[in-house]
C-alpha atoms as a PDB file:
ATOM      1  CA  UNK A   1       0.087   2.861 -19.470  1.00  0.00           C
ATOM      2  CA  UNK A   2       1.131  -0.430 -17.930  1.00  0.00           C
ATOM      3  CA  UNK A   3       4.350  -2.055 -19.132  1.00  0.00           C
ATOM      4  CA  UNK A   4       3.964  -5.846 -19.581  1.00  0.00           C
ATOM      5  CA  UNK A   5       6.044  -7.916 -17.169  1.00  0.00           C
ATOM      6  CA  UNK A   6       6.170 -11.203 -19.094  1.00  0.00           C
ATOM      7  CA  UNK A   7       7.300 -10.180 -22.585  1.00  0.00           C
ATOM      8  CA  UNK A   8       9.951 -12.220 -24.409  1.00  0.00           C
ATOM      9  CA  UNK A   9      12.648 -10.374 -26.329  1.00  0.00           C
ATOM     10  CA  UNK A  10      12.131 -12.561 -29.392  1.00  0.00           C
ATOM     11  CA  UNK A  11       8.392 -11.770 -29.416  1.00  0.00           C
ATOM     12  CA  UNK A  12       9.089  -8.029 -29.187  1.00  0.00           C
ATOM     13  CA  UNK A  13      11.472  -8.318 -32.153  1.00  0.00           C
ATOM     14  CA  UNK A  14       8.809 -10.165 -34.178  1.00  0.00           C
ATOM     15  CA  UNK A  15       6.196  -7.493 -33.469  1.00  0.00           C
ATOM     16  CA  UNK A  16       8.587  -4.673 -34.369  1.00  0.00           C
ATOM     17  CA  UNK A  17       9.411  -6.380 -37.664  1.00  0.00           C
ATOM     18  CA  UNK A  18       5.783  -7.109 -38.497  1.00  0.00           C
ATOM     19  CA  UNK A  19       4.199  -3.794 -37.459  1.00  0.00           C
ATOM     20  CA  UNK A  20       6.899  -1.112 -37.257  1.00  0.00           C
ATOM     21  CA  UNK A  21       9.100  -1.635 -40.351  1.00  0.00           C
ATOM     22  CA  UNK A  22      12.147  -3.096 -38.597  1.00  0.00           C
ATOM     23  CA  UNK A  23      14.239  -5.910 -40.035  1.00  0.00           C
ATOM     24  CA  UNK A  24      16.536  -8.336 -38.218  1.00  0.00           C
ATOM     25  CA  UNK A  25      20.138  -7.603 -39.182  1.00  0.00           C
ATOM     26  CA  UNK A  26      21.782 -10.330 -37.104  1.00  0.00           C
ATOM     27  CA  UNK A  27      22.015 -11.785 -33.631  1.00  0.00           C
ATOM     28  CA  UNK A  28      25.116 -11.274 -31.542  1.00  0.00           C
ATOM     29  CA  UNK A  29      25.153 -13.486 -28.481  1.00  0.00           C
ATOM     30  CA  UNK A  30      21.792 -13.087 -26.794  1.00  0.00           C
ATOM     31  CA  UNK A  31      20.974  -9.754 -28.462  1.00  0.00           C
ATOM     32  CA  UNK A  32      18.855  -9.355 -31.583  1.00  0.00           C
ATOM     33  CA  UNK A  33      19.936  -6.392 -33.705  1.00  0.00           C
ATOM     34  CA  UNK A  34      17.106  -4.652 -35.581  1.00  0.00           C
ATOM     35  CA  UNK A  35      17.298  -1.835 -38.097  1.00  0.00           C
ATOM     36  CA  UNK A  36      14.873   0.487 -39.871  1.00  0.00           C
ATOM     37  CA  UNK A  37      15.198   3.155 -42.530  1.00  0.00           C
ATOM     38  CA  UNK A  38      11.763   4.697 -41.891  1.00  0.00           C
ATOM     39  CA  UNK A  39      11.664   7.677 -41.331  1.00  0.00           C
ATOM     40  CA  UNK A  40      15.476   7.616 -41.020  1.00  0.00           C
ATOM     41  CA  UNK A  41      18.130   5.103 -40.035  1.00  0.00           C
ATOM     42  CA  UNK A  42      17.925   3.551 -36.550  1.00  0.00           C
ATOM     43  CA  UNK A  43      19.515   0.442 -35.135  1.00  0.00           C
ATOM     44  CA  UNK A  44      18.394  -1.071 -31.839  1.00  0.00           C
ATOM     45  CA  UNK A  45      19.487  -4.047 -29.794  1.00  0.00           C
ATOM     46  CA  UNK A  46      16.919  -6.238 -28.074  1.00  0.00           C
ATOM     47  CA  UNK A  47      18.053  -8.778 -25.487  1.00  0.00           C
ATOM     48  CA  UNK A  48      16.615 -12.212 -26.255  1.00  0.00           C
ATOM     49  CA  UNK A  49      15.646 -12.764 -22.625  1.00  0.00           C
ATOM     50  CA  UNK A  50      12.523 -14.300 -21.142  1.00  0.00           C
ATOM     51  CA  UNK A  51      11.123 -12.082 -19.714  1.00  0.00           C
ATOM     52  CA  UNK A  52      12.597  -8.697 -20.583  1.00  0.00           C
ATOM     53  CA  UNK A  53      13.240  -6.521 -17.552  1.00  0.00           C
ATOM     54  CA  UNK A  54      10.768  -3.675 -17.168  1.00  0.00           C
ATOM     55  CA  UNK A  55      13.447  -0.960 -17.326  1.00  0.00           C
ATOM     56  CA  UNK A  56      15.002  -2.478 -20.442  1.00  0.00           C
ATOM     57  CA  UNK A  57      11.634  -2.749 -22.165  1.00  0.00           C
ATOM     58  CA  UNK A  58      10.758   0.828 -21.190  1.00  0.00           C
ATOM     59  CA  UNK A  59      14.051   2.072 -22.636  1.00  0.00           C
ATOM     60  CA  UNK A  60      13.487   0.219 -25.927  1.00  0.00           C
ATOM     61  CA  UNK A  61       9.922   1.548 -26.176  1.00  0.00           C
ATOM     62  CA  UNK A  62      11.123   5.095 -25.455  1.00  0.00           C
ATOM     63  CA  UNK A  63      13.764   4.924 -28.206  1.00  0.00           C
ATOM     64  CA  UNK A  64      11.287   3.577 -30.758  1.00  0.00           C
ATOM     65  CA  UNK A  65       8.540   6.042 -29.834  1.00  0.00           C
ATOM     66  CA  UNK A  66      10.911   9.007 -30.189  1.00  0.00           C
ATOM     67  CA  UNK A  67      12.205   7.719 -33.527  1.00  0.00           C
ATOM     68  CA  UNK A  68       8.786   6.908 -35.003  1.00  0.00           C
ATOM     69  CA  UNK A  69       7.121   9.941 -33.329  1.00  0.00           C
ATOM     70  CA  UNK A  70       4.347   7.884 -31.739  1.00  0.00           C
ATOM     71  CA  UNK A  71       3.457   7.240 -28.119  1.00  0.00           C
ATOM     72  CA  UNK A  72       4.720   4.223 -26.202  1.00  0.00           C
ATOM     73  CA  UNK A  73       1.087   3.189 -25.798  1.00  0.00           C
ATOM     74  CA  UNK A  74       0.712   2.954 -29.591  1.00  0.00           C
ATOM     75  CA  UNK A  75       3.585   0.472 -29.655  1.00  0.00           C
ATOM     76  CA  UNK A  76       2.209  -1.485 -26.700  1.00  0.00           C
ATOM     77  CA  UNK A  77      -1.177  -1.736 -28.434  1.00  0.00           C
ATOM     78  CA  UNK A  78       0.422  -3.785 -31.225  1.00  0.00           C
ATOM     79  CA  UNK A  79       1.846  -6.373 -28.781  1.00  0.00           C
END
């Protein structure tokens, strides 16, 4: 699994909303706040940076994959 190095935060938020049942709650400063109720409540913050740092992206992917019970690769395949 190779983490992309040129991914925008806003693009990641769009993909999560379109493919993974997240909705944008609001934006606070440079962070986009997303929320889902499927399978249970989760709220995540995505920095609206260009590009996202690799460690930050990896942390976001880890949190989503644990919550949705899928692999990080499954999430990366939708990008």
